[in-house]
Amino acid sequence: MNKRAAKPPGDGPRLKITLVKSTIGFNKNQAKVVEGMGLRRIGHTVDLADTPATRGMILKVRHLITVEGN
């Protein structure tokens, strides 16, 4: 029996996410999502794997960020 190993989350498509708007004045949960993505300040960019979890985080704060990639 041949079992294939699951791909590590680092492999595959990547997304560049940039914080373009402050979290001040928005829901605190949205600020926690931005922090969870690794974004620290306006203009800061992070490179994250394109996973369903990342897509869900993007959806929550889509008004505060820009996304580049696939």
PDB file of N, CA and C in Angstrom:
ATOM      1  N   MET A   1       0.839  -1.171   0.000  1.00  0.00           N
ATOM      2  CA  MET A   1       0.000   0.000   0.000  1.00  0.00           C
ATOM      3  C   MET A   1       0.890   1.242   0.000  1.00  0.00           C
ATOM      4  N   ASN A   2       0.609   2.155  -0.924  1.00  0.00           N
ATOM      5  CA  ASN A   2       1.417   3.354  -1.084  1.00  0.00           C
ATOM      6  C   ASN A   2       0.644   4.561  -0.545  1.00  0.00           C
ATOM      7  N   LYS A   3       1.121   5.117   0.545  1.00  0.00           N
ATOM      8  CA  LYS A   3       0.480   6.309   1.130  1.00  0.00           C
ATOM      9  C   LYS A   3       1.296   7.532   0.778  1.00  0.00           C
ATOM     10  N   ARG A   4       0.618   8.568   0.336  1.00  0.00           N
ATOM     11  CA  ARG A   4       1.304   9.821   0.049  1.00  0.00           C
ATOM     12  C   ARG A   4       1.254  10.708   1.283  1.00  0.00           C
ATOM     13  N   ALA A   5       2.373  11.332   1.560  1.00  0.00           N
ATOM     14  CA  ALA A   5       2.440  12.241   2.707  1.00  0.00           C
ATOM     15  C   ALA A   5       1.740  13.552   2.356  1.00  0.00           C
ATOM     16  N   ALA A   6       1.122  14.153   3.344  1.00  0.00           N
ATOM     17  CA  ALA A   6       0.472  15.450   3.149  1.00  0.00           C
ATOM     18  C   ALA A   6       1.531  16.508   2.878  1.00  0.00           C
ATOM     19  N   LYS A   7       1.197  17.462   2.008  1.00  0.00           N
ATOM     20  CA  LYS A   7       2.136  18.534   1.707  1.00  0.00           C
ATOM     21  C   LYS A   7       2.255  19.466   2.901  1.00  0.00           C
ATOM     22  N   PRO A   8       3.465  19.867   3.244  1.00  0.00           N
ATOM     23  CA  PRO A   8       3.617  20.856   4.319  1.00  0.00           C
ATOM     24  C   PRO A   8       3.003  22.188   3.898  1.00  0.00           C
ATOM     25  N   PRO A   9       2.503  22.973   4.856  1.00  0.00           N
ATOM     26  CA  PRO A   9       1.836  24.225   4.511  1.00  0.00           C
ATOM     27  C   PRO A   9       2.743  25.246   3.825  1.00  0.00           C
ATOM     28  N   GLY A  10       4.046  25.104   3.926  1.00  0.00           N
ATOM     29  CA  GLY A  10       4.963  26.054   3.314  1.00  0.00           C
ATOM     30  C   GLY A  10       5.078  25.884   1.814  1.00  0.00           C
ATOM     31  N   ASP A  11       4.773  24.689   1.306  1.00  0.00           N
ATOM     32  CA  ASP A  11       4.849  24.447  -0.134  1.00  0.00           C
ATOM     33  C   ASP A  11       3.593  24.963  -0.817  1.00  0.00           C
ATOM     34  N   GLY A  12       3.722  25.245  -2.110  1.00  0.00           N
ATOM     35  CA  GLY A  12       2.553  25.668  -2.866  1.00  0.00           C
ATOM     36  C   GLY A  12       2.470  27.167  -3.008  1.00  0.00           C
ATOM     37  N   PRO A  13       1.299  27.642  -3.432  1.00  0.00           N
ATOM     38  CA  PRO A  13       1.129  29.079  -3.703  1.00  0.00           C
ATOM     39  C   PRO A  13       1.254  29.939  -2.447  1.00  0.00           C
ATOM     40  N   ARG A  14       1.761  31.128  -2.633  1.00  0.00           N
ATOM     41  CA  ARG A  14       1.953  32.080  -1.539  1.00  0.00           C
ATOM     42  C   ARG A  14       1.192  33.360  -1.849  1.00  0.00           C
ATOM     43  N   LEU A  15       0.832  34.092  -0.805  1.00  0.00           N
ATOM     44  CA  LEU A  15       0.139  35.367  -0.942  1.00  0.00           C
ATOM     45  C   LEU A  15       0.925  36.442  -0.212  1.00  0.00           C
ATOM     46  N   LYS A  16       1.058  37.610  -0.843  1.00  0.00           N
ATOM     47  CA  LYS A  16       1.669  38.767  -0.184  1.00  0.00           C
ATOM     48  C   LYS A  16       0.535  39.640   0.333  1.00  0.00           C
ATOM     49  N   ILE A  17       0.516  39.842   1.636  1.00  0.00           N
ATOM     50  CA  ILE A  17      -0.551  40.598   2.275  1.00  0.00           C
ATOM     51  C   ILE A  17       0.061  41.841   2.922  1.00  0.00           C
ATOM     52  N   THR A  18      -0.533  43.007   2.623  1.00  0.00           N
ATOM     53  CA  THR A  18      -0.038  44.282   3.137  1.00  0.00           C
ATOM     54  C   THR A  18      -1.142  44.990   3.899  1.00  0.00           C
ATOM     55  N   LEU A  19      -0.813  45.483   5.085  1.00  0.00           N
ATOM     56  CA  LEU A  19      -1.761  46.268   5.874  1.00  0.00           C
ATOM     57  C   LEU A  19      -1.768  47.691   5.334  1.00  0.00           C
ATOM     58  N   VAL A  20      -2.941  48.181   4.892  1.00  0.00           N
ATOM     59  CA  VAL A  20      -3.018  49.516   4.301  1.00  0.00           C
ATOM     60  C   VAL A  20      -3.874  50.472   5.124  1.00  0.00           C
ATOM     61  N   LYS A  21      -4.561  49.955   6.128  1.00  0.00           N
ATOM     62  CA  LYS A  21      -5.427  50.796   6.948  1.00  0.00           C
ATOM     63  C   LYS A  21      -5.306  50.365   8.405  1.00  0.00           C
ATOM     64  N   SER A  22      -5.372  51.311   9.314  1.00  0.00           N
ATOM     65  CA  SER A  22      -5.243  51.040  10.740  1.00  0.00           C
ATOM     66  C   SER A  22      -6.443  50.259  11.267  1.00  0.00           C
ATOM     67  N   THR A  23      -6.209  49.462  12.298  1.00  0.00           N
ATOM     68  CA  THR A  23      -7.287  48.705  12.936  1.00  0.00           C
ATOM     69  C   THR A  23      -8.018  49.538  13.990  1.00  0.00           C
ATOM     70  N   ILE A  24      -7.539  50.748  14.257  1.00  0.00           N
ATOM     71  CA  ILE A  24      -8.182  51.612  15.244  1.00  0.00           C
ATOM     72  C   ILE A  24      -9.577  51.985  14.746  1.00  0.00           C
ATOM     73  N   GLY A  25     -10.550  51.841  15.602  1.00  0.00           N
ATOM     74  CA  GLY A  25     -11.921  52.168  15.246  1.00  0.00           C
ATOM     75  C   GLY A  25     -12.704  50.986  14.722  1.00  0.00           C
ATOM     76  N   PHE A  26     -12.052  49.848  14.555  1.00  0.00           N
ATOM     77  CA  PHE A  26     -12.728  48.643  14.090  1.00  0.00           C
ATOM     78  C   PHE A  26     -12.845  47.649  15.243  1.00  0.00           C
ATOM     79  N   ASN A  27     -13.581  46.600  14.999  1.00  0.00           N
ATOM     80  CA  ASN A  27     -13.795  45.558  15.995  1.00  0.00           C
ATOM     81  C   ASN A  27     -12.456  45.000  16.499  1.00  0.00           C
ATOM     82  N   LYS A  28     -12.351  44.729  17.795  1.00  0.00           N
ATOM     83  CA  LYS A  28     -11.113  44.208  18.370  1.00  0.00           C
ATOM     84  C   LYS A  28     -10.753  42.845  17.796  1.00  0.00           C
ATOM     85  N   ASN A  29     -11.755  42.064  17.411  1.00  0.00           N
ATOM     86  CA  ASN A  29     -11.487  40.759  16.812  1.00  0.00           C
ATOM     87  C   ASN A  29     -10.746  40.915  15.494  1.00  0.00           C
ATOM     88  N   GLN A  30     -11.040  41.972  14.760  1.00  0.00           N
ATOM     89  CA  GLN A  30     -10.353  42.213  13.501  1.00  0.00           C
ATOM     90  C   GLN A  30      -8.894  42.574  13.760  1.00  0.00           C
ATOM     91  N   ALA A  31      -8.629  43.320  14.807  1.00  0.00           N
ATOM     92  CA  ALA A  31      -7.249  43.651  15.173  1.00  0.00           C
ATOM     93  C   ALA A  31      -6.483  42.381  15.536  1.00  0.00           C
ATOM     94  N   LYS A  32      -7.134  41.441  16.196  1.00  0.00           N
ATOM     95  CA  LYS A  32      -6.494  40.175  16.548  1.00  0.00           C
ATOM     96  C   LYS A  32      -6.197  39.338  15.309  1.00  0.00           C
ATOM     97  N   VAL A  33      -7.078  39.383  14.329  1.00  0.00           N
ATOM     98  CA  VAL A  33      -6.841  38.661  13.077  1.00  0.00           C
ATOM     99  C   VAL A  33      -5.628  39.249  12.362  1.00  0.00           C
ATOM    100  N   VAL A  34      -5.547  40.579  12.299  1.00  0.00           N
ATOM    101  CA  VAL A  34      -4.406  41.238  11.661  1.00  0.00           C
ATOM    102  C   VAL A  34      -3.120  40.850  12.382  1.00  0.00           C
ATOM    103  N   GLU A  35      -3.148  40.849  13.692  1.00  0.00           N
ATOM    104  CA  GLU A  35      -1.977  40.460  14.484  1.00  0.00           C
ATOM    105  C   GLU A  35      -1.634  38.994  14.240  1.00  0.00           C
ATOM    106  N   GLY A  36      -2.643  38.151  14.133  1.00  0.00           N
ATOM    107  CA  GLY A  36      -2.429  36.730  13.878  1.00  0.00           C
ATOM    108  C   GLY A  36      -1.801  36.458  12.521  1.00  0.00           C
ATOM    109  N   MET A  37      -2.037  37.349  11.585  1.00  0.00           N
ATOM    110  CA  MET A  37      -1.423  37.210  10.263  1.00  0.00           C
ATOM    111  C   MET A  37       0.035  37.647  10.277  1.00  0.00           C
ATOM    112  N   GLY A  38       0.459  38.304  11.343  1.00  0.00           N
ATOM    113  CA  GLY A  38       1.842  38.748  11.460  1.00  0.00           C
ATOM    114  C   GLY A  38       2.063  40.176  11.021  1.00  0.00           C
ATOM    115  N   LEU A  39       0.981  40.907  10.767  1.00  0.00           N
ATOM    116  CA  LEU A  39       1.095  42.303  10.348  1.00  0.00           C
ATOM    117  C   LEU A  39       1.231  43.191  11.577  1.00  0.00           C
ATOM    118  N   ARG A  40       2.200  44.121  11.538  1.00  0.00           N
ATOM    119  CA  ARG A  40       2.495  44.931  12.714  1.00  0.00           C
ATOM    120  C   ARG A  40       2.144  46.399  12.559  1.00  0.00           C
ATOM    121  N   ARG A  41       2.283  46.942  11.372  1.00  0.00           N
ATOM    122  CA  ARG A  41       2.059  48.377  11.174  1.00  0.00           C
ATOM    123  C   ARG A  41       1.598  48.617   9.736  1.00  0.00           C
ATOM    124  N   ILE A  42       1.084  49.787   9.484  1.00  0.00           N
ATOM    125  CA  ILE A  42       0.632  50.133   8.135  1.00  0.00           C
ATOM    126  C   ILE A  42       1.828  50.086   7.188  1.00  0.00           C
ATOM    127  N   GLY A  43       1.634  49.434   6.056  1.00  0.00           N
ATOM    128  CA  GLY A  43       2.693  49.283   5.077  1.00  0.00           C
ATOM    129  C   GLY A  43       3.507  48.019   5.244  1.00  0.00           C
ATOM    130  N   HIS A  44       3.312  47.288   6.340  1.00  0.00           N
ATOM    131  CA  HIS A  44       4.036  46.054   6.589  1.00  0.00           C
ATOM    132  C   HIS A  44       3.464  44.944   5.711  1.00  0.00           C
ATOM    133  N   THR A  45       4.330  44.148   5.097  1.00  0.00           N
ATOM    134  CA  THR A  45       3.921  43.066   4.204  1.00  0.00           C
ATOM    135  C   THR A  45       4.422  41.740   4.740  1.00  0.00           C
ATOM    136  N   VAL A  46       3.561  40.724   4.670  1.00  0.00           N
ATOM    137  CA  VAL A  46       3.942  39.374   5.051  1.00  0.00           C
ATOM    138  C   VAL A  46       3.649  38.443   3.887  1.00  0.00           C
ATOM    139  N   ASP A  47       4.367  37.322   3.852  1.00  0.00           N
ATOM    140  CA  ASP A  47       4.200  36.303   2.824  1.00  0.00           C
ATOM    141  C   ASP A  47       3.625  35.065   3.500  1.00  0.00           C
ATOM    142  N   LEU A  48       2.369  34.724   3.176  1.00  0.00           N
ATOM    143  CA  LEU A  48       1.695  33.601   3.815  1.00  0.00           C
ATOM    144  C   LEU A  48       1.298  32.558   2.789  1.00  0.00           C
ATOM    145  N   ALA A  49       1.209  31.303   3.244  1.00  0.00           N
ATOM    146  CA  ALA A  49       0.748  30.218   2.377  1.00  0.00           C
ATOM    147  C   ALA A  49      -0.726  30.422   2.042  1.00  0.00           C
ATOM    148  N   ASP A  50      -1.105  30.050   0.835  1.00  0.00           N
ATOM    149  CA  ASP A  50      -2.494  30.178   0.388  1.00  0.00           C
ATOM    150  C   ASP A  50      -3.268  28.948   0.858  1.00  0.00           C
ATOM    151  N   THR A  51      -3.816  29.032   2.076  1.00  0.00           N
ATOM    152  CA  THR A  51      -4.585  27.935   2.664  1.00  0.00           C
ATOM    153  C   THR A  51      -5.993  28.422   2.976  1.00  0.00           C
ATOM    154  N   PRO A  52      -6.924  27.500   3.221  1.00  0.00           N
ATOM    155  CA  PRO A  52      -8.274  27.929   3.597  1.00  0.00           C
ATOM    156  C   PRO A  52      -8.294  28.798   4.862  1.00  0.00           C
ATOM    157  N   ALA A  53      -7.413  28.516   5.808  1.00  0.00           N
ATOM    158  CA  ALA A  53      -7.352  29.321   7.031  1.00  0.00           C
ATOM    159  C   ALA A  53      -6.924  30.751   6.720  1.00  0.00           C
ATOM    160  N   THR A  54      -5.914  30.887   5.869  1.00  0.00           N
ATOM    161  CA  THR A  54      -5.449  32.219   5.477  1.00  0.00           C
ATOM    162  C   THR A  54      -6.531  32.962   4.714  1.00  0.00           C
ATOM    163  N   ARG A  55      -7.229  32.259   3.827  1.00  0.00           N
ATOM    164  CA  ARG A  55      -8.310  32.889   3.060  1.00  0.00           C
ATOM    165  C   ARG A  55      -9.425  33.380   3.985  1.00  0.00           C
ATOM    166  N   GLY A  56      -9.718  32.640   5.049  1.00  0.00           N
ATOM    167  CA  GLY A  56     -10.728  33.064   6.010  1.00  0.00           C
ATOM    168  C   GLY A  56     -10.315  34.321   6.752  1.00  0.00           C
ATOM    169  N   MET A  57      -9.029  34.398   7.104  1.00  0.00           N
ATOM    170  CA  MET A  57      -8.519  35.588   7.777  1.00  0.00           C
ATOM    171  C   MET A  57      -8.584  36.798   6.844  1.00  0.00           C
ATOM    172  N   ILE A  58      -8.235  36.584   5.581  1.00  0.00           N
ATOM    173  CA  ILE A  58      -8.295  37.656   4.591  1.00  0.00           C
ATOM    174  C   ILE A  58      -9.723  38.170   4.466  1.00  0.00           C
ATOM    175  N   LEU A  59     -10.676  37.259   4.434  1.00  0.00           N
ATOM    176  CA  LEU A  59     -12.085  37.636   4.292  1.00  0.00           C
ATOM    177  C   LEU A  59     -12.547  38.507   5.465  1.00  0.00           C
ATOM    178  N   LYS A  60     -12.065  38.217   6.670  1.00  0.00           N
ATOM    179  CA  LYS A  60     -12.462  38.981   7.859  1.00  0.00           C
ATOM    180  C   LYS A  60     -11.983  40.428   7.832  1.00  0.00           C
ATOM    181  N   VAL A  61     -10.802  40.652   7.260  1.00  0.00           N
ATOM    182  CA  VAL A  61     -10.199  41.991   7.313  1.00  0.00           C
ATOM    183  C   VAL A  61      -9.898  42.528   5.914  1.00  0.00           C
ATOM    184  N   ARG A  62     -10.682  42.140   4.940  1.00  0.00           N
ATOM    185  CA  ARG A  62     -10.428  42.525   3.540  1.00  0.00           C
ATOM    186  C   ARG A  62     -10.466  44.027   3.320  1.00  0.00           C
ATOM    187  N   HIS A  63     -11.113  44.774   4.218  1.00  0.00           N
ATOM    188  CA  HIS A  63     -11.191  46.235   4.102  1.00  0.00           C
ATOM    189  C   HIS A  63      -9.942  46.926   4.660  1.00  0.00           C
ATOM    190  N   LEU A  64      -9.059  46.179   5.310  1.00  0.00           N
ATOM    191  CA  LEU A  64      -7.857  46.752   5.922  1.00  0.00           C
ATOM    192  C   LEU A  64      -6.572  46.380   5.190  1.00  0.00           C
ATOM    193  N   ILE A  65      -6.635  45.416   4.271  1.00  0.00           N
ATOM    194  CA  ILE A  65      -5.438  44.872   3.646  1.00  0.00           C
ATOM    195  C   ILE A  65      -5.537  44.868   2.125  1.00  0.00           C
ATOM    196  N   THR A  66      -4.390  44.660   1.486  1.00  0.00           N
ATOM    197  CA  THR A  66      -4.359  44.339   0.066  1.00  0.00           C
ATOM    198  C   THR A  66      -3.659  43.000  -0.074  1.00  0.00           C
ATOM    199  N   VAL A  67      -4.071  42.237  -1.089  1.00  0.00           N
ATOM    200  CA  VAL A  67      -3.537  40.894  -1.299  1.00  0.00           C
ATOM    201  C   VAL A  67      -2.998  40.800  -2.720  1.00  0.00           C
ATOM    202  N   GLU A  68      -1.779  40.276  -2.833  1.00  0.00           N
ATOM    203  CA  GLU A  68      -1.169  40.024  -4.138  1.00  0.00           C
ATOM    204  C   GLU A  68      -0.817  38.550  -4.217  1.00  0.00           C
ATOM    205  N   GLY A  69      -0.970  38.001  -5.378  1.00  0.00           N
ATOM    206  CA  GLY A  69      -0.624  36.592  -5.573  1.00  0.00           C
ATOM    207  C   GLY A  69      -1.674  35.903  -6.402  1.00  0.00           C
ATOM    208  N   ASN A  70      -1.673  34.592  -6.319  1.00  0.00           N
ATOM    209  CA  ASN A  70      -2.582  33.778  -7.144  1.00  0.00           C
ATOM    210  C   ASN A  70      -4.011  33.925  -6.743  1.00  0.00           C
TER     211      ASN A  70
END
